[in-house]
């Protein structure tokens, strides 16, 4: 008896796939967007596009979406990603898929969704999903100058492709969507304790003023297609150094959008200012092999970091109805949390008034 038959024989009287899909669509309400994602639902979704799971399943670390590694009969394990309902349109998701396919066609190591039954985006039970090859690797060694240069080369190659055309269905990274709108949403939904609210409101207004000044100093910059969330959790270093097969793999382009090139670079930098300047020099040494970088964009580093901090608080608040968020972020919303955000914003206000980083 195969694993698949054994699974079917031990789950009791299961509904036909069409009935399960209809029931799932009714259950996927806003308060629990992934309520239908039982282990059986995941397996049924894959079966609906002709992939035959062997019963093995492992939930991977993801909060915005839901991601599982699933064993496939007579084939390598795959990764299936269920998209959060109502976040992106189908057109926006397909633009992400097309961008990664465009990069892979130029031999840039990125995770590209598989075309299954002729499509990369699938619908099942009220949810949308895509299937990706399973990639493995470890976190890059950012203390190594050679690794930083290597990462810079590949990001330069990504941006060289990203600059050839624009997204039409995906948004841009700007002050309005990453700073002003999240501020307004938090204020409108009473997430900030009353005794911290005046200090937070004052700090976020000063921070937004500092961000606007930083963008003015940067002047006009080239907006291009970005990874958008190029932190080290989205880069896998793989291979066997003895065999010479090493390098980065870039995954999760879910936040891909239009914006300045430096958005995909600043998250590689950490530590004191002198250390970040050295790191920036290593990254740009590789980046500029493939893509010209405008030093004016360095005025945006701390401004983009500040926008990310404001946006992150609103992101947590917007997702609080999702049961995964209170479990994973129990400290969110406390008085201490918002007091720390006030101090964080004040530090960023001071940093944005300092001269920009310079590569050494």
Protein backbone atom coordinates (compact mmCIF):
# COMPACT_ATOMS: atom_id res chain seq x y z
CA UNK A 1 0.00 0.00 0.00
CA UNK A 2 1.44 3.43 -0.93
CA UNK A 3 1.77 6.25 1.61
CA UNK A 4 -0.98 8.13 -0.21
CA UNK A 5 -3.40 5.18 0.00
CA UNK A 6 -2.49 4.64 3.63
CA UNK A 7 -3.25 8.31 4.36
CA UNK A 8 -6.64 8.06 2.64
CA UNK A 9 -7.52 4.91 4.56
CA UNK A 10 -6.75 6.42 7.96
CA UNK A 11 -8.53 9.77 7.68
CA UNK A 12 -12.08 8.43 7.86
CA UNK A 13 -14.91 9.50 5.58
CA UNK A 14 -13.44 12.52 3.85
CA UNK A 15 -15.59 14.77 1.72
CA UNK A 16 -15.07 14.84 -2.05
CA UNK A 17 -12.51 17.45 -3.13
CA UNK A 18 -15.20 19.74 -4.61
CA UNK A 19 -17.23 19.74 -1.38
CA UNK A 20 -14.13 20.36 0.72
CA UNK A 21 -13.17 23.28 -1.52
CA UNK A 22 -16.63 24.84 -1.18
CA UNK A 23 -16.56 24.45 2.59
CA UNK A 24 -13.07 25.94 2.72
CA UNK A 25 -14.13 29.01 0.74
CA UNK A 26 -16.90 29.70 3.25
CA UNK A 27 -14.55 29.33 6.22
CA UNK A 28 -11.82 31.68 4.97
CA UNK A 29 -13.19 34.73 6.74
CA UNK A 30 -11.21 37.86 7.48
CA UNK A 31 -10.85 37.10 11.21
CA UNK A 32 -9.03 33.84 10.51
CA UNK A 33 -7.77 34.01 6.92
CA UNK A 34 -5.96 30.67 7.10
CA UNK A 35 -8.51 28.75 9.18
CA UNK A 36 -9.03 26.23 6.38
CA UNK A 37 -5.35 25.28 6.24
CA UNK A 38 -5.52 21.86 7.84
CA UNK A 39 -2.94 19.26 6.80
CA UNK A 40 -5.56 17.62 4.58
CA UNK A 41 -6.35 20.93 2.89
CA UNK A 42 -2.69 21.40 1.95
CA UNK A 43 -2.50 17.91 0.47
CA UNK A 44 -5.80 18.33 -1.37
CA UNK A 45 -4.64 21.63 -2.86
CA UNK A 46 -1.58 19.93 -4.34
CA UNK A 47 -3.64 17.04 -5.62
CA UNK A 48 -5.94 19.55 -7.35
CA UNK A 49 -3.08 20.51 -9.69
CA UNK A 50 -1.91 16.95 -10.27
CA UNK A 51 0.85 16.68 -7.66
CA UNK A 52 0.58 13.56 -5.49
CA UNK A 53 1.79 14.14 -1.92
CA UNK A 54 3.29 11.27 0.05
CA UNK A 55 1.89 12.51 3.37
CA UNK A 56 5.01 14.25 4.71
CA UNK A 57 4.45 17.88 5.63
CA UNK A 58 6.44 20.52 7.53
CA UNK A 59 5.27 24.06 8.31
CA UNK A 60 8.01 26.61 7.56
CA UNK A 61 8.57 29.94 9.28
CA UNK A 62 6.22 32.48 7.71
CA UNK A 63 3.64 34.90 9.11
CA UNK A 64 2.38 37.05 6.23
CA UNK A 65 1.64 33.94 4.17
CA UNK A 66 1.65 30.24 5.07
CA UNK A 67 4.43 28.04 3.70
CA UNK A 68 4.85 24.26 3.90
CA UNK A 69 7.45 21.76 2.74
CA UNK A 70 5.56 18.79 1.35
CA UNK A 71 6.84 15.41 0.22
CA UNK A 72 5.83 14.38 -3.31
CA UNK A 73 5.59 10.79 -4.52
CA UNK A 74 8.52 9.75 -6.74
CA UNK A 75 9.84 13.34 -6.83
CA UNK A 76 11.80 15.80 -4.68
CA UNK A 77 9.97 17.59 -1.88
CA UNK A 78 8.35 20.89 -2.86
CA UNK A 79 7.47 24.08 -1.01
CA UNK A 80 3.88 25.30 -1.27
CA UNK A 81 3.05 28.90 -0.42
CA UNK A 82 -0.51 30.02 0.36
CA UNK A 83 -0.95 33.74 -0.15
CA UNK A 84 -2.72 35.89 2.44
CA UNK A 85 -6.18 36.70 1.07
CA UNK A 86 -6.81 40.25 -0.19
CA UNK A 87 -3.21 41.41 0.18
CA UNK A 88 -2.20 41.21 -3.48
CA UNK A 89 -4.26 40.96 -6.63
CA UNK A 90 -3.70 38.00 -8.92
CA UNK A 91 -2.02 40.41 -11.36
CA UNK A 92 0.43 41.57 -8.68
CA UNK A 93 1.33 38.00 -7.71
CA UNK A 94 1.85 37.05 -11.35
CA UNK A 95 4.15 40.07 -11.77
CA UNK A 96 6.26 38.72 -8.91
CA UNK A 97 6.37 35.31 -10.59
CA UNK A 98 7.28 36.83 -13.96
CA UNK A 99 10.08 38.88 -12.38
CA UNK A 100 11.68 35.84 -10.75
CA UNK A 101 11.38 33.87 -14.01
CA UNK A 102 13.05 36.77 -15.83
CA UNK A 103 15.91 36.71 -13.33
CA UNK A 104 16.33 32.93 -13.50
CA UNK A 105 16.47 33.09 -17.29
CA UNK A 106 19.60 35.20 -16.83
CA UNK A 107 21.08 32.59 -14.48
CA UNK A 108 20.51 34.64 -11.34
CA UNK A 109 19.85 32.22 -8.43
CA UNK A 110 16.32 33.02 -7.25
CA UNK A 111 13.36 30.90 -6.16
CA UNK A 112 10.95 30.63 -9.11
CA UNK A 113 7.46 29.10 -8.78
CA UNK A 114 6.94 25.95 -10.79
CA UNK A 115 4.48 25.96 -13.65
CA UNK A 116 2.09 23.17 -12.74
CA UNK A 117 -0.80 22.37 -15.09
CA UNK A 118 0.41 25.30 -17.18
CA UNK A 119 0.09 27.90 -14.40
CA UNK A 120 2.25 29.33 -11.61
CA UNK A 121 -0.66 30.65 -9.50
CA UNK A 122 -3.42 28.28 -8.42
CA UNK A 123 -6.77 28.61 -6.61
CA UNK A 124 -8.23 26.10 -4.18
CA UNK A 125 -10.86 26.37 -1.44
CA UNK A 126 -10.85 30.17 -1.43
CA UNK A 127 -7.07 30.50 -1.19
CA UNK A 128 -4.35 31.08 -3.78
CA UNK A 129 -1.09 29.15 -3.78
CA UNK A 130 2.11 28.54 -5.70
CA UNK A 131 4.58 25.65 -5.65
CA UNK A 132 8.33 26.22 -5.45
CA UNK A 133 11.33 23.91 -5.58
CA UNK A 134 12.80 23.19 -2.18
CA UNK A 135 16.05 25.14 -1.71
CA UNK A 136 18.49 24.62 1.13
CA UNK A 137 21.29 26.69 2.56
CA UNK A 138 22.57 28.62 5.55
CA UNK A 139 22.72 32.28 6.48
CA UNK A 140 25.50 34.23 4.73
CA UNK A 141 28.57 35.24 6.74
CA UNK A 142 28.14 39.03 6.65
CA UNK A 143 31.38 39.51 8.60
CA UNK A 144 33.26 38.23 5.53
CA UNK A 145 34.13 41.00 2.99
CA UNK A 146 34.18 38.46 0.15
CA UNK A 147 30.63 37.35 1.00
CA UNK A 148 29.41 40.95 1.03
CA UNK A 149 31.01 41.59 -2.35
CA UNK A 150 29.44 38.40 -3.71
CA UNK A 151 26.01 39.46 -2.45
CA UNK A 152 26.55 42.89 -3.96
CA UNK A 153 27.31 41.36 -7.37
CA UNK A 154 24.10 39.35 -7.41
CA UNK A 155 21.96 42.24 -6.18
CA UNK A 156 23.55 44.34 -8.92
CA UNK A 157 22.52 41.70 -11.44
CA UNK A 158 18.97 41.64 -10.02
CA UNK A 159 18.76 45.42 -10.32
CA UNK A 160 20.18 45.45 -13.84
CA UNK A 161 17.22 43.28 -14.85
CA UNK A 162 14.83 45.22 -12.61
CA UNK A 163 15.74 48.47 -14.35
CA UNK A 164 14.69 47.24 -17.79
CA UNK A 165 10.97 47.73 -17.15
CA UNK A 166 8.51 48.73 -14.43
CA UNK A 167 5.89 46.89 -12.42
CA UNK A 168 2.36 47.91 -13.32
CA UNK A 169 0.31 46.01 -10.72
CA UNK A 170 2.68 46.27 -7.74
CA UNK A 171 3.15 49.45 -5.68
CA UNK A 172 6.16 51.67 -5.05
CA UNK A 173 8.04 52.08 -1.80
CA UNK A 174 7.27 55.66 -0.79
CA UNK A 175 6.64 57.89 2.21
CA UNK A 176 2.87 57.81 1.78
CA UNK A 177 2.44 54.03 1.79
CA UNK A 178 5.21 53.10 4.25
CA UNK A 179 4.98 56.04 6.67
CA UNK A 180 1.92 58.27 6.49
CA UNK A 181 -0.73 55.62 5.86
CA UNK A 182 0.57 53.26 8.61
CA UNK A 183 0.68 56.21 11.04
CA UNK A 184 -2.92 57.14 10.20
CA UNK A 185 -4.08 53.52 10.53
CA UNK A 186 -2.52 53.11 13.98
CA UNK A 187 -4.04 56.36 15.21
CA UNK A 188 -7.48 55.47 13.83
CA UNK A 189 -7.55 52.03 15.45
CA UNK A 190 -6.48 52.96 19.01
CA UNK A 191 -3.55 50.57 19.28
CA UNK A 192 -1.33 52.99 21.22
CA UNK A 193 -1.88 53.33 25.01
CA UNK A 194 -3.29 56.73 25.97
CA UNK A 195 -0.38 57.66 28.22
CA UNK A 196 2.19 56.95 25.46
CA UNK A 197 0.13 58.38 22.58
CA UNK A 198 1.27 62.05 22.79
CA UNK A 199 4.96 61.08 22.81
CA UNK A 200 4.51 58.56 19.96
CA UNK A 201 2.49 60.99 17.86
CA UNK A 202 5.09 63.71 18.31
CA UNK A 203 7.98 61.34 17.57
CA UNK A 204 6.40 59.86 14.43
CA UNK A 205 5.63 63.35 13.07
CA UNK A 206 9.24 64.44 13.64
CA UNK A 207 10.44 61.21 12.07
CA UNK A 208 8.29 61.74 8.96
CA UNK A 209 9.62 65.28 8.66
CA UNK A 210 13.16 63.87 8.81
CA UNK A 211 12.31 61.29 6.17
CA UNK A 212 10.94 63.98 3.85
CA UNK A 213 14.13 66.03 4.27
CA UNK A 214 16.25 62.96 3.53
CA UNK A 215 14.31 62.32 0.32
CA UNK A 216 14.75 65.97 -0.66
CA UNK A 217 18.52 65.72 -0.12
CA UNK A 218 18.65 62.55 -2.21
CA UNK A 219 16.86 64.30 -5.06
CA UNK A 220 15.52 62.40 -8.03
CA UNK A 221 16.52 58.75 -8.04
CA UNK A 222 15.93 55.91 -10.43
CA UNK A 223 13.01 53.73 -9.34
CA UNK A 224 13.42 50.09 -10.35
CA UNK A 225 12.02 46.66 -9.61
CA UNK A 226 13.42 45.46 -6.28
CA UNK A 227 13.45 42.34 -4.15
CA UNK A 228 12.01 44.72 -1.56
CA UNK A 229 12.77 42.72 1.60
CA UNK A 230 16.39 41.69 1.14
CA UNK A 231 17.21 40.73 4.73
CA UNK A 232 19.34 37.70 5.46
CA UNK A 233 16.37 35.49 6.19
CA UNK A 234 15.62 35.72 2.48
CA UNK A 235 19.11 34.75 1.32
CA UNK A 236 20.33 31.15 1.50
CA UNK A 237 24.05 30.43 1.11
CA UNK A 238 24.46 27.02 -0.43
CA UNK A 239 26.94 24.58 -1.83
CA UNK A 240 30.17 22.80 -1.04
CA UNK A 241 33.21 25.08 -0.95
CA UNK A 242 35.50 22.13 -1.68
CA UNK A 243 33.56 21.48 -4.89
CA UNK A 244 33.51 25.16 -5.79
CA UNK A 245 29.69 25.27 -5.92
CA UNK A 246 28.87 28.05 -3.48
CA UNK A 247 26.87 31.25 -3.52
CA UNK A 248 23.65 32.97 -2.55
CA UNK A 249 20.09 32.02 -3.46
CA UNK A 250 17.48 34.77 -3.15
CA UNK A 251 14.02 33.66 -2.00
CA UNK A 252 10.63 35.20 -1.20
CA UNK A 253 10.00 38.07 -3.61
CA UNK A 254 6.59 38.60 -2.01
CA UNK A 255 7.47 42.24 -1.17
CA UNK A 256 8.89 43.05 -4.60
CA UNK A 257 8.01 46.60 -5.60
CA UNK A 258 9.36 49.72 -7.29
CA UNK A 259 11.86 51.81 -5.35
CA UNK A 260 15.44 53.06 -4.94
CA UNK A 261 18.30 50.58 -5.33
CA UNK A 262 19.59 51.24 -1.82
CA UNK A 263 16.47 49.56 -0.35
CA UNK A 264 17.99 46.18 -1.26
CA UNK A 265 21.41 47.13 0.13
CA UNK A 266 20.97 48.80 3.51
CA UNK A 267 19.75 45.65 5.30
CA UNK A 268 23.17 44.09 4.67
CA UNK A 269 24.74 46.73 6.95
CA UNK A 270 25.00 46.55 10.73
CA UNK A 271 27.13 47.73 13.63
CA UNK A 272 28.76 51.08 14.29
CA UNK A 273 29.04 53.71 11.59
CA UNK A 274 32.67 52.91 10.69
CA UNK A 275 31.83 49.22 10.38
CA UNK A 276 28.81 49.93 8.17
CA UNK A 277 30.96 52.13 5.93
CA UNK A 278 33.38 49.26 5.39
CA UNK A 279 30.53 46.85 4.72
CA UNK A 280 29.01 49.29 2.24
CA UNK A 281 32.33 49.51 0.42
CA UNK A 282 32.46 45.71 0.10
CA UNK A 283 28.86 45.49 -1.14
CA UNK A 284 29.30 48.26 -3.71
CA UNK A 285 32.56 46.75 -4.95
CA UNK A 286 30.49 43.84 -6.22
CA UNK A 287 27.31 45.75 -7.05
CA UNK A 288 28.99 48.21 -9.40
CA UNK A 289 30.41 45.39 -11.50
CA UNK A 290 26.89 45.13 -12.94
CA UNK A 291 24.92 48.25 -11.98
CA UNK A 292 25.82 51.88 -11.45
CA UNK A 293 24.97 53.19 -7.98
CA UNK A 294 24.14 56.83 -7.27
CA UNK A 295 25.82 58.01 -4.02
CA UNK A 296 22.91 60.41 -3.50
CA UNK A 297 20.79 57.41 -2.50
CA UNK A 298 22.89 57.05 0.66
CA UNK A 299 20.85 59.94 2.06
CA UNK A 300 17.97 57.46 2.13
CA UNK A 301 19.51 54.72 4.28
CA UNK A 302 18.27 55.91 7.69
CA UNK A 303 15.05 57.27 6.16
CA UNK A 304 14.22 53.85 4.72
CA UNK A 305 15.11 52.20 8.02
CA UNK A 306 12.70 54.59 9.80
CA UNK A 307 9.91 53.90 7.30
CA UNK A 308 10.38 50.18 7.89
CA UNK A 309 10.03 50.67 11.67
CA UNK A 310 6.76 52.61 11.30
CA UNK A 311 5.40 50.16 8.76
CA UNK A 312 6.34 47.16 10.93
CA UNK A 313 4.28 48.35 13.90
CA UNK A 314 1.24 48.86 11.68
CA UNK A 315 1.81 45.47 10.03
CA UNK A 316 1.68 43.73 13.41
CA UNK A 317 -1.44 45.65 14.39
CA UNK A 318 -3.26 44.89 11.11
CA UNK A 319 -2.55 41.17 11.49
CA UNK A 320 -3.50 40.89 15.16
CA UNK A 321 -6.74 39.06 14.31
CA UNK A 322 -4.63 36.24 12.82
CA UNK A 323 -4.12 33.72 15.68
CA UNK A 324 -0.48 33.21 14.64
CA UNK A 325 0.44 36.77 15.56
CA UNK A 326 -0.49 36.93 19.28
CA UNK A 327 1.28 33.59 19.70
CA UNK A 328 4.46 34.72 17.91
CA UNK A 329 4.58 38.35 19.13
CA UNK A 330 3.14 38.31 22.68
CA UNK A 331 5.01 41.51 23.57
CA UNK A 332 3.29 43.57 20.89
CA UNK A 333 0.89 46.27 22.04
CA UNK A 334 2.17 46.52 25.60
CA UNK A 335 3.00 49.88 27.11
CA UNK A 336 6.68 48.88 27.10
CA UNK A 337 6.51 48.08 23.38
CA UNK A 338 5.27 51.56 22.48
CA UNK A 339 7.69 53.28 24.87
CA UNK A 340 10.54 51.46 23.11
CA UNK A 341 9.18 52.58 19.73
CA UNK A 342 9.25 56.20 20.89
CA UNK A 343 12.92 55.86 21.89
CA UNK A 344 13.68 54.09 18.61
CA UNK A 345 12.07 56.86 16.56
CA UNK A 346 13.97 59.54 18.48
CA UNK A 347 17.24 57.75 17.73
CA UNK A 348 16.32 57.62 14.06
CA UNK A 349 15.43 61.34 14.03
CA UNK A 350 18.97 62.11 15.20
CA UNK A 351 20.56 59.68 12.74
CA UNK A 352 18.69 61.17 9.78
CA UNK A 353 20.23 64.56 10.55
CA UNK A 354 23.77 63.18 10.42
CA UNK A 355 25.82 63.09 7.19
CA UNK A 356 25.07 59.98 5.11
CA UNK A 357 27.19 56.84 5.17
CA UNK A 358 30.11 56.78 2.78
CA UNK A 359 31.67 53.66 1.36
CA UNK A 360 35.28 53.01 2.32
